[in-house]
Protein backbone atom coordinates (compact mmCIF):
# COMPACT_ATOMS: atom_id res chain seq x y z
CA UNK A 1 -23.85 4.11 16.09
CA UNK A 2 -20.45 3.45 15.29
CA UNK A 3 -17.73 6.25 15.11
CA UNK A 4 -14.57 5.67 12.93
CA UNK A 5 -11.12 7.39 13.48
CA UNK A 6 -8.44 7.11 11.06
CA UNK A 7 -4.80 7.71 11.74
CA UNK A 8 -1.22 7.02 10.32
CA UNK A 9 -1.54 9.14 7.06
CA UNK A 10 1.31 11.54 6.24
CA UNK A 11 4.14 12.37 3.91
CA UNK A 12 6.31 9.49 2.34
CA UNK A 13 8.54 9.11 -0.53
CA UNK A 14 7.84 7.24 -3.43
CA UNK A 15 8.66 3.55 -2.98
CA UNK A 16 7.91 3.80 0.94
CA UNK A 17 5.32 2.60 3.29
CA UNK A 18 2.64 3.40 5.60
CA UNK A 19 0.31 1.90 7.88
CA UNK A 20 -3.10 3.33 8.46
CA UNK A 21 -5.46 2.57 11.18
CA UNK A 22 -9.06 2.60 11.81
CA UNK A 23 -10.39 2.73 15.39
CA UNK A 24 -14.09 2.11 15.88
CA UNK A 25 -16.19 2.84 18.76
CA UNK A 26 -19.04 0.36 20.01
CA UNK A 27 -19.21 -3.17 20.75
CA UNK A 28 -20.45 -4.13 17.36
CA UNK A 29 -17.24 -4.00 15.18
CA UNK A 30 -17.05 -7.68 14.50
CA UNK A 31 -20.62 -7.13 12.90
CA UNK A 32 -19.13 -5.03 10.12
CA UNK A 33 -17.41 -5.51 6.73
CA UNK A 34 -14.70 -3.15 7.08
CA UNK A 35 -13.30 -1.13 4.07
CA UNK A 36 -10.71 1.57 2.79
CA UNK A 37 -11.49 3.98 0.36
CA UNK A 38 -9.87 7.16 -1.21
CA UNK A 39 -11.14 10.46 -2.71
CA UNK A 40 -9.07 13.10 -4.48
CA UNK A 41 -10.49 16.46 -4.90
CA UNK A 42 -13.00 16.71 -7.50
CA UNK A 43 -13.20 12.91 -8.04
CA UNK A 44 -15.63 10.42 -6.86
CA UNK A 45 -14.91 8.18 -3.96
CA UNK A 46 -12.80 5.10 -5.15
CA UNK A 47 -12.94 1.61 -3.57
CA UNK A 48 -9.34 0.52 -2.19
CA UNK A 49 -10.06 -2.76 -0.08
CA UNK A 50 -12.57 -4.53 2.13
CA UNK A 51 -12.34 -7.18 4.56
CA UNK A 52 -15.14 -9.62 5.83
CA UNK A 53 -16.36 -9.91 9.32
CA UNK A 54 -13.89 -12.72 10.38
CA UNK A 55 -10.93 -11.18 8.31
CA UNK A 56 -10.59 -14.37 6.35
CA UNK A 57 -11.52 -12.80 2.91
CA UNK A 58 -10.32 -9.61 1.34
CA UNK A 59 -10.80 -7.65 -1.92
CA UNK A 60 -8.46 -5.07 -3.48
CA UNK A 61 -9.01 -2.55 -6.24
CA UNK A 62 -6.66 -3.78 -9.09
CA UNK A 63 -4.52 -0.35 -8.67
CA UNK A 64 -3.24 -1.60 -5.11
CA UNK A 65 -3.43 -5.31 -5.61
CA UNK A 66 -0.08 -6.71 -4.44
CA UNK A 67 0.86 -3.34 -2.73
CA UNK A 68 -1.55 -2.93 -0.05
CA UNK A 69 -2.94 -5.41 2.68
CA UNK A 70 -6.14 -4.74 4.66
CA UNK A 71 -6.34 -6.58 8.06
CA UNK A 72 -8.44 -6.35 10.99
CA UNK A 73 -8.13 -7.30 14.88
CA UNK A 74 -11.63 -7.82 16.15
CA UNK A 75 -10.34 -7.68 19.74
CA UNK A 76 -9.18 -4.15 19.27
CA UNK A 77 -11.76 -2.80 16.99
CA UNK A 78 -9.54 -1.89 14.59
CA UNK A 79 -8.77 -2.13 10.67
CA UNK A 80 -5.39 -1.60 9.12
CA UNK A 81 -4.01 -0.80 5.76
CA UNK A 82 -0.59 -1.63 5.31
CA UNK A 83 0.66 0.23 2.03
CA UNK A 84 4.00 -0.50 0.54
CA UNK A 85 5.40 0.63 -2.78
CA UNK A 86 3.66 3.51 -2.47
CA UNK A 87 3.47 5.60 -5.70
CA UNK A 88 2.67 9.46 -6.34
CA UNK A 89 -0.82 8.45 -7.54
CA UNK A 90 -1.58 7.04 -4.43
CA UNK A 91 -1.83 10.69 -3.02
CA UNK A 92 -5.15 11.51 -1.62
CA UNK A 93 -7.38 11.37 1.59
CA UNK A 94 -8.25 7.70 2.75
CA UNK A 95 -11.57 7.13 4.38
CA UNK A 96 -12.53 4.05 6.62
CA UNK A 97 -15.81 2.44 6.02
CA UNK A 98 -18.01 0.16 8.16
CA UNK A 99 -20.97 -1.52 6.47
CA UNK A 100 -23.78 -3.97 7.38
CA UNK A 101 -27.05 -4.60 5.77
CA UNK A 102 -28.64 -1.82 7.63
CA UNK A 103 -25.77 0.66 8.37
CA UNK A 104 -22.99 2.50 6.67
CA UNK A 105 -20.57 4.57 8.65
CA UNK A 106 -17.56 6.53 7.47
CA UNK A 107 -14.52 8.30 9.23
CA UNK A 108 -13.44 11.69 8.58
CA UNK A 109 -10.18 10.55 6.37
CA UNK A 110 -6.52 10.86 6.71
CA UNK A 111 -4.12 12.36 4.18
CA UNK A 112 -1.65 10.48 2.51
CA UNK A 113 0.90 12.27 0.55
CA UNK A 114 3.62 10.45 -1.86
CA UNK A 115 6.34 12.67 -2.84
CA UNK A 116 8.59 11.59 -5.96
């Protein structure tokens, strides 16, 4: 069982930056591919970024490529999402995900609001 707790969301002006963190419980953090997703009310959950077990490989949605950076610290059981050049359309709830071949865990989300 893995519990994920996101933090770092908040209100920021367009063009600003935020860094989200996701702290994971348990001793098997480095066994999970970690990801960030986002979901606006009434819409499907949308892929944002993923990072592999070692942190050496990342993938991004086209909408955030060049602006967001995902990273992980396996010594701290934490994954981060650095968000720069934020746009109003980035406003939504961001969720952390931990995925292995047999398990799939989600955090409760953290709200990001970008004002114009």
